[in-house]
Structure formats: structure tokens, C-alpha cells
Protein backbone atom coordinates (compact mmCIF):
# COMPACT_ATOMS: atom_id res chain seq x y z
CA MET A 1 170.33 33.17 71.34
CA MET A 2 167.68 35.76 70.13
CA LEU A 3 165.07 33.07 70.42
CA LYS A 4 165.98 32.32 73.90
CA ILE A 5 165.47 36.23 74.87
CA LYS A 6 162.24 36.57 73.11
CA VAL A 7 161.04 33.39 74.94
CA ILE A 8 162.28 34.92 78.47
CA GLN A 9 160.37 38.31 77.40
CA ALA A 10 157.27 36.49 76.70
CA LEU A 11 157.24 34.76 80.16
CA LEU A 12 158.45 37.65 82.23
CA ILE A 13 156.03 40.49 80.96
CA PRO A 14 152.72 38.62 82.03
CA ALA A 15 154.46 37.62 85.45
CA LEU A 16 155.27 41.39 86.23
CA LEU A 17 151.83 42.47 85.27
CA ILE A 18 150.22 40.02 87.55
CA ILE A 19 152.67 41.07 90.32
CA PHE A 20 151.84 44.98 89.68
CA PHE A 21 148.04 44.03 89.64
CA PHE A 22 148.02 42.39 92.93
CA ALA A 23 150.53 44.99 94.33
CA GLY A 24 148.00 47.71 93.27
CA CYS A 25 145.01 45.86 95.02
CA GLY A 26 147.08 45.66 98.14
CA ASP A 27 147.55 49.43 98.05
CA ASP A 28 143.88 50.16 97.76
CA LYS A 29 143.12 47.89 100.52
CA GLU A 30 145.87 49.65 102.62
CA SER A 31 144.47 53.22 101.73
CA ALA A 32 140.75 52.27 102.30
CA LYS A 33 141.87 50.76 105.85
CA SER A 34 143.99 53.94 106.53
CA MET A 35 141.15 55.99 105.99
CA ASP A 36 138.84 54.00 108.39
CA GLN A 37 141.67 54.16 110.97
CA ILE A 38 141.82 58.05 110.58
CA GLN A 39 138.05 58.35 111.30
CA GLY A 40 138.31 56.04 114.14
CA GLU A 41 141.64 57.25 115.91
CA GLU A 42 141.37 60.90 115.11
CA GLY A 43 137.78 61.80 114.83
CA ILE A 44 135.54 63.12 112.21
CA PRO A 45 136.67 66.39 111.02
CA VAL A 46 134.23 69.38 112.04
CA GLN A 47 134.38 73.13 112.61
CA VAL A 48 133.04 74.69 115.64
CA GLU A 49 132.05 78.28 116.61
CA THR A 50 132.07 79.36 120.19
CA VAL A 51 128.58 80.70 121.34
CA GLU A 52 128.25 84.22 122.45
CA TYR A 53 125.49 86.77 122.88
CA LYS A 54 124.18 88.17 119.41
CA PRO A 55 121.59 90.69 118.54
CA PHE A 56 118.35 88.98 117.34
CA GLU A 57 115.58 90.69 115.45
CA LYS A 58 112.33 89.47 114.15
CA PHE A 59 110.43 91.35 111.37
CA GLN A 60 106.85 90.93 109.55
CA ASN A 61 107.01 91.92 106.09
CA PHE A 62 104.20 93.76 104.41
CA TYR A 63 103.37 95.37 101.00
CA SER A 64 101.54 98.76 100.70
CA LYS A 65 101.39 101.98 98.73
CA LEU A 66 102.83 105.14 100.05
CA ALA A 67 100.70 108.29 100.33
CA GLY A 68 101.21 111.75 101.61
CA ILE A 69 100.58 112.22 105.40
CA LYS A 70 97.56 114.37 104.32
CA GLU A 71 95.97 113.66 101.06
CA ALA A 72 92.71 114.49 99.38
CA THR A 73 91.20 114.10 95.76
CA LYS A 74 88.91 116.71 94.75
CA GLY A 75 85.97 116.26 92.38
CA THR A 76 83.25 118.03 90.82
CA SER A 77 79.35 117.87 91.57
CA LEU A 78 78.88 119.91 88.39
CA GLY A 79 80.41 118.35 85.39
CA GLY A 80 80.82 119.77 82.04
CA LYS A 81 83.71 121.39 80.10
CA ILE A 82 86.94 122.26 81.72
CA GLU A 83 87.85 125.85 81.21
CA LYS A 84 91.04 126.15 82.76
CA ILE A 85 93.81 124.34 85.02
CA ASN A 86 96.09 126.50 86.66
CA PHE A 87 98.66 124.26 88.13
CA ARG A 88 100.71 121.18 86.97
CA VAL A 89 101.68 117.94 88.71
CA GLY A 90 104.66 118.72 91.09
CA ASP A 91 103.31 122.35 91.78
CA TYR A 92 102.86 123.51 95.40
CA VAL A 93 99.65 125.18 96.12
CA LYS A 94 98.15 127.10 99.17
CA GLU A 95 94.71 126.37 100.73
CA ASP A 96 91.86 127.91 98.49
CA GLN A 97 94.07 128.49 95.53
CA ILE A 98 91.96 127.74 92.50
CA VAL A 99 93.35 124.59 90.51
CA VAL A 100 90.56 123.93 88.04
CA GLU A 101 88.01 126.41 86.56
CA PHE A 102 84.61 125.61 84.74
CA PRO A 103 82.88 128.23 82.65
CA GLN A 104 81.26 131.07 84.66
CA ASP A 105 78.18 130.94 82.61
CA HIS A 106 77.92 127.25 83.05
CA PRO A 107 73.98 126.78 83.00
CA GLY A 108 74.02 124.32 85.95
CA ALA A 109 75.75 126.64 88.27
CA MET A 110 73.90 129.89 87.77
CA TYR A 111 77.02 131.55 88.98
CA GLU A 112 76.46 134.87 87.34
CA GLN A 113 72.76 135.23 88.90
CA SER A 114 73.94 134.37 92.34
CA LYS A 115 77.14 136.79 92.07
CA THR A 116 74.91 139.80 91.00
CA ALA A 117 72.48 138.89 93.67
CA TYR A 118 75.15 138.85 96.41
CA GLU A 119 76.81 142.06 95.27
CA ASN A 120 73.47 143.92 95.17
CA SER A 121 72.41 142.54 98.66
CA LYS A 122 75.88 143.51 100.07
CA LYS A 123 75.50 147.05 98.91
CA THR A 124 72.15 147.26 100.62
CA TYR A 125 73.24 145.64 103.81
CA GLU A 126 76.20 148.02 104.27
CA ARG A 127 73.72 150.96 103.38
CA MET A 128 71.23 149.64 106.01
CA LYS A 129 74.02 149.13 108.60
CA ALA A 130 75.09 152.77 108.36
CA LEU A 131 71.66 153.95 108.62
CA LEU A 132 71.09 151.69 111.84
CA GLU A 133 74.17 153.23 113.25
CA ALA A 134 72.85 156.82 112.64
CA GLY A 135 69.44 155.85 114.15
CA GLU A 136 67.66 156.61 111.00
CA THR A 137 66.02 153.03 110.49
CA SER A 138 64.78 150.31 112.77
CA GLN A 139 66.39 147.28 113.86
CA ALA A 140 63.62 145.08 112.29
CA ASN A 141 64.42 146.90 108.87
CA PHE A 142 68.15 146.07 109.33
CA ASP A 143 67.56 142.38 110.30
CA GLY A 144 65.37 141.81 107.08
CA VAL A 145 68.29 143.11 105.09
CA GLU A 146 70.70 141.30 107.06
CA ALA A 147 69.05 138.03 106.50
CA GLN A 148 68.78 138.41 102.77
CA TYR A 149 72.22 139.32 102.49
CA LEU A 150 73.49 136.24 104.29
CA VAL A 151 71.35 134.30 102.07
CA ASN A 152 72.70 135.50 98.96
CA LYS A 153 76.24 135.31 100.41
CA ASN A 154 76.01 131.49 101.03
CA ASN A 155 74.58 130.88 97.56
CA TYR A 156 77.28 132.73 95.84
CA GLU A 157 80.05 130.99 97.86
CA ALA A 158 78.34 127.61 97.24
CA THR A 159 78.15 128.47 93.34
CA HIS A 160 81.69 129.64 93.35
CA LYS A 161 82.99 126.35 94.60
CA LEU A 162 80.85 124.76 91.89
CA VAL A 163 82.75 126.82 89.16
CA PHE A 164 86.21 127.29 90.72
CA ILE A 165 87.68 124.07 92.28
CA GLU A 166 89.92 125.05 95.03
CA ALA A 167 92.88 123.35 97.00
CA PRO A 168 91.60 122.17 100.31
CA PHE A 169 94.84 122.74 102.06
CA ASP A 170 98.50 123.74 101.51
CA GLY A 171 100.23 120.73 99.66
CA THR A 172 101.69 119.51 96.29
CA VAL A 173 99.57 118.53 93.18
CA VAL A 174 100.34 114.79 92.88
CA ASP A 175 97.81 114.06 90.21
CA ILE A 176 95.65 115.67 87.68
CA LYS A 177 93.17 113.66 85.94
CA VAL A 178 91.73 115.98 83.50
CA LYS A 179 92.88 118.32 80.67
CA GLU A 180 91.49 121.81 79.75
CA GLY A 181 88.64 121.32 77.13
CA ASP A 182 87.57 117.96 78.70
CA ASN A 183 84.17 117.13 79.11
CA VAL A 184 83.72 115.61 82.61
CA LYS A 185 80.88 113.93 84.20
CA LYS A 186 79.18 114.78 87.65
CA ASP A 187 81.34 113.49 90.26
CA ALA A 188 84.47 113.03 88.34
CA HIS A 189 87.79 113.01 89.95
CA LEU A 190 89.76 116.07 89.09
CA PHE A 191 93.12 116.18 90.94
CA THR A 192 94.88 115.12 94.21
CA ILE A 193 96.64 117.23 96.64
CA ALA A 194 99.07 115.85 99.11
CA GLN A 195 101.29 116.97 102.03
CA LEU A 196 104.59 115.13 101.18
CA ASN A 197 106.96 116.15 104.20
CA LYS A 198 105.81 112.89 105.68
CA MET A 199 104.62 109.77 104.04
CA LEU A 200 101.92 107.22 105.19
CA ALA A 201 101.61 103.34 104.38
CA LYS A 202 98.69 101.33 105.37
CA ILE A 203 99.45 97.85 105.88
CA LEU A 204 96.83 95.08 106.06
CA ILE A 205 97.14 92.62 109.03
CA THR A 206 95.79 89.14 109.62
CA GLU A 207 94.06 88.14 113.07
CA LYS A 208 97.17 86.22 113.89
CA GLU A 209 99.63 89.04 112.93
CA ILE A 210 97.79 91.85 114.77
CA ARG A 211 98.72 90.37 118.13
CA GLN A 212 102.29 91.14 117.45
CA ILE A 213 101.88 94.63 116.00
CA LYS A 214 101.93 97.64 118.49
CA LYS A 215 101.65 101.35 118.21
CA GLY A 216 105.35 103.05 118.21
CA MET A 217 106.99 99.89 116.72
CA SER A 218 109.90 100.60 114.42
CA ALA A 219 109.55 99.79 110.71
CA THR A 220 111.91 100.12 107.66
CA MET A 221 111.59 100.09 103.89
CA ASN A 222 113.86 100.09 101.02
CA PHE A 223 113.24 102.69 98.12
CA GLY A 224 115.51 103.59 95.23
CA GLY A 225 118.26 101.50 97.10
CA LYS A 226 117.97 103.63 100.21
CA VAL A 227 116.64 102.28 103.60
CA TYR A 228 114.18 104.69 105.28
CA ARG A 229 113.12 104.31 108.89
CA GLY A 230 109.69 104.94 110.20
CA LYS A 231 107.23 104.05 113.01
CA ILE A 232 103.62 102.63 113.37
CA VAL A 233 101.36 105.61 114.47
CA GLU A 234 98.01 103.83 114.50
CA VAL A 235 96.83 100.40 114.85
CA SER A 236 93.10 99.40 114.12
CA MET A 237 90.99 97.93 116.80
CA ALA A 238 88.54 96.28 114.61
CA VAL A 239 88.42 94.41 111.15
CA ASP A 240 88.12 96.57 108.18
CA PRO A 241 84.77 95.24 106.55
CA TYR A 242 85.99 96.21 103.02
CA ASN A 243 89.34 94.30 103.28
CA GLN A 244 88.27 91.72 105.94
CA ALA A 245 91.64 92.51 107.92
CA PHE A 246 93.07 94.82 110.56
CA TYR A 247 95.30 97.65 109.61
CA ALA A 248 98.11 99.76 110.73
CA GLU A 249 99.50 102.91 109.55
CA VAL A 250 103.29 103.27 109.20
CA GLU A 251 104.94 106.89 109.06
CA PHE A 252 108.15 107.83 107.17
CA ASP A 253 109.95 111.05 107.21
CA ASN A 254 110.21 112.75 103.83
CA SER A 255 111.75 116.08 104.50
CA LYS A 256 114.09 115.68 101.54
CA ASN A 257 111.24 114.92 99.43
CA GLU A 258 112.66 111.64 98.03
CA LEU A 259 109.60 109.38 98.31
CA ARG A 260 106.82 109.48 95.84
CA SER A 261 103.14 109.17 96.47
CA GLY A 262 101.43 106.07 94.87
CA VAL A 263 104.75 103.69 94.66
CA THR A 264 104.48 100.21 96.21
CA VAL A 265 106.82 99.24 98.87
CA GLU A 266 107.79 96.46 101.07
CA ILE A 267 107.82 97.40 104.62
CA LYS A 268 109.51 95.43 107.45
CA VAL A 269 107.96 95.90 111.15
CA LEU A 270 110.20 95.09 113.83
CA VAL A 271 107.95 92.88 116.08
CA TYR A 272 110.74 91.72 118.56
CA GLU A 273 114.42 92.33 119.33
CA ASN A 274 116.95 90.88 121.92
CA THR A 275 120.26 92.60 122.18
CA LYS A 276 121.64 89.52 124.14
CA ALA A 277 120.41 86.33 122.51
CA ILE A 278 121.80 82.99 121.71
CA ILE A 279 121.05 82.16 118.14
CA VAL A 280 121.89 79.36 115.61
CA PRO A 281 121.43 79.02 112.01
CA ARG A 282 118.10 77.06 111.03
CA ASN A 283 120.12 74.58 108.90
CA LEU A 284 122.00 73.36 111.94
CA VAL A 285 118.78 72.42 113.93
CA THR A 286 117.71 68.73 113.34
CA ASN A 287 114.60 66.85 114.24
CA ASP A 288 114.08 63.28 115.78
CA GLU A 289 111.42 61.65 117.76
CA ASN A 290 112.45 63.50 120.79
CA GLY A 291 112.52 67.04 119.50
CA GLN A 292 114.90 69.64 117.96
CA TYR A 293 118.69 69.31 118.44
CA ILE A 294 122.13 70.69 117.76
CA PHE A 295 125.58 69.13 118.07
CA VAL A 296 128.32 70.79 120.38
CA GLU A 297 131.66 69.63 120.65
CA LYS A 298 132.96 68.41 124.09
CA ASP A 299 135.99 66.82 125.09
CA GLY A 300 136.62 65.63 121.68
CA THR A 301 133.21 64.09 121.09
CA ALA A 302 129.94 65.32 119.49
CA LYS A 303 127.07 65.73 121.86
CA LYS A 304 123.50 65.88 120.82
CA SER A 305 121.85 68.89 122.73
CA TYR A 306 118.23 69.21 122.67
CA ILE A 307 116.96 72.85 122.45
CA SER A 308 113.84 74.97 122.94
CA ASN A 309 113.12 77.94 120.80
CA GLY A 310 112.24 81.29 121.71
CA ASN A 311 111.62 83.10 118.42
CA SER A 312 112.61 82.31 114.95
CA SER A 313 113.37 84.62 111.78
CA GLY A 314 113.92 83.48 108.27
CA ILE A 315 117.46 82.43 108.84
CA TYR A 316 117.96 81.99 112.71
CA TYR A 317 116.48 80.35 115.73
CA GLU A 318 116.73 82.24 119.08
CA ILE A 319 117.61 79.25 121.52
CA SER A 320 115.85 79.45 125.23
CA GLN A 321 117.24 76.34 126.34
CA GLY A 322 119.88 73.69 125.47
CA LEU A 323 122.78 75.84 124.49
CA ASN A 324 124.76 78.32 126.72
CA VAL A 325 127.47 81.05 126.23
CA GLY A 326 130.92 79.33 125.74
CA ASP A 327 129.52 76.20 124.29
CA LYS A 328 131.31 74.85 121.11
CA LEU A 329 128.51 74.81 118.48
CA ILE A 330 129.63 72.40 115.56
CA THR A 331 128.88 74.35 112.36
CA ARG A 332 130.51 72.04 109.77
CA GLY A 333 130.54 68.28 109.38
CA THR A 334 127.28 67.59 111.12
CA ALA A 335 125.82 65.25 108.50
CA GLN A 336 128.04 62.44 109.57
CA LEU A 337 127.55 62.87 113.34
CA THR A 338 126.04 60.78 115.93
CA ASP A 339 125.83 61.29 119.69
CA GLY A 340 129.30 60.57 121.25
CA VAL A 341 131.20 59.97 118.06
CA LYS A 342 134.90 61.22 118.25
CA VAL A 343 135.48 64.45 116.21
CA LYS A 344 138.41 66.53 115.13
CA VAL A 345 138.10 70.29 115.29
CA ILE A 346 139.93 71.88 112.05
CA GLN A 347 140.28 75.24 110.96
């Protein structure tokens, strides 16, 4: 009896495996057929977006260094030892305040001699002026004394400027290139003064780009995680021979003193904007031998629509023809689409 059962099991198990194998193959065929039927009967699944007007902006990007709205670097035509520095970086100075001093006995300046000559001639001038007013000297005598006084005065002022280096205007000391005791060469740069209530950035522009840049255009920059807005205040009319490029100056408000002179920033100039534009992401635009096109959904099918572009940014195309407000732009599932194929809109 046990032998019969074992024989039956040996014959039955392979038979069942064969049945299950062919049954499984039948299921795969049925599944594949069902998927094809879904594609054909219900359509390729896609997502759509109803076209509406949106704002469109186009920027040109430039890199530049910030500088004060007014900035000057003072040097020396004398050279020699730095006697004294009266201010530090960050200090605010008034026009004509002395920032750097050279020794008054500097042999190249002849400061003491010119000062003595000026003071003596001034006393003589004032005395002769009083005598002229009292009628006790001639006009000719006074004119000679006055001429000598003016010569000595000009000489003294010139030597004073050699020895005492003054601020050229009210502003902030943004850089000092020397220290007390340094021996500097003639024409060496000593310090820089800047007015920082507003900042300027000079951007270099190619011949192609200059056609889009106009005075008064808006600009933005990011500094320290904060966006600052400015505008173009000047555009060159000719190529700068040194840089072989056109240039424009962009002005930013710095009334809170947050911006720093000398830092490099990226500046974005708004060269075009349209508050009511039809735009599409660039990745949805495809090319063939007839031009650029996108897919729209109409009556359950995908329709190829050829488009014309107005402007383009890094992400979007502005569409001038081929797409209208209210159209159903297909945004997902475009890779499988052909013109006229059935589609199924899903959320």
C-alpha cells in the first residue's frame, strides 16, 4: 500500500508543476495584454496645466566690485618717512582734515623755509595795506608787496600739502596702505577715502549685451544673504580701450551702511519684463525638422503645437505664438507622446 502511494506522488508532483508553470505563463501573457489594452483604450497617463498669464523677467548677470559713490586714493609726490597717521580704517573724516603727516623738516619739502617766508610777507602785506588806506604809501609800492605775498602764500600752501596729506572730501577711511615709521617711495598710495551712503558697481558689457542695457534699468544683487535693489545710472557710449568692453554704472542705496567697498558681487540687470506673458518651462519644448513644439491636451488626445518664442530666460520660454490662455499644456508624460495619441489626464 505504501509503495502505491509513493508511486502516485512521484507521478503527481511533476504533473502539478507543469500545470502551474503553464498557468503562470498564461497569467503573464494576460497581464501584458491588459497593459497594452489600458494604453490603447484609456490613453497614456499625463498631467496637464491650464495656461494662464504669468509675469516673465529676463536678467543679464555680471560680476563687479563695489565702491563708494565717490572714492579717491591719496598718494604722495614727496616720499620719505611717515611721521604720523591721524585716523584708522572706518573713521569718518571731514574735507581737508590731515590724515597722514611727513616730517616738517623734510629736506625735499622746504616746508619751514616756505612757512617763514609766507608769515613774514603776510605781516608786510598787512602793514602796507594799512598804510595805503591811510594814504601814506603809493599804490605801486603796495602792489609789489602784495605780489610777493601771494607768491609766498602759494608756495607755502603747496609745501603744506606735500607734508600734510589731507582728506579730499568728507567721507570714510576705507583703506590705509602705510604705517607710522614706514619709508615710502614717491607717488606711493597712502590711503583711500570714500562716501559710502551709496555704492557704485561698474559692470563690463559686450557689444551684443550693450544693446539691451539702458540707463534707468533696475538691478539687484545679493550680499550677506540680503537682496539689494539698485538702478543703472550711466551707460558708456564707446568701448573702454583698457578693458575692450562697454561699461555701465549701477547705483545701490547704502544708507544703513551694510555694504562694503571692494567686495565682489553678482549683479542681475532686469533687461526685459512682461507682467502678462505666456510661458513654458524649457524642458517641455522639443525640436523636430519643422521647429519647436509642445504638447497640449484636446478632446482626450495629445496635440503637437508648434511655437514661436519671444524671449527666453534660464528656465522659461516666453511664447509669442502657438499657445493660448486656457489651453491644457501637458506637463508630465510627454516622453511617450506622439501627435494625436489618446491620453488620460490624471491628478
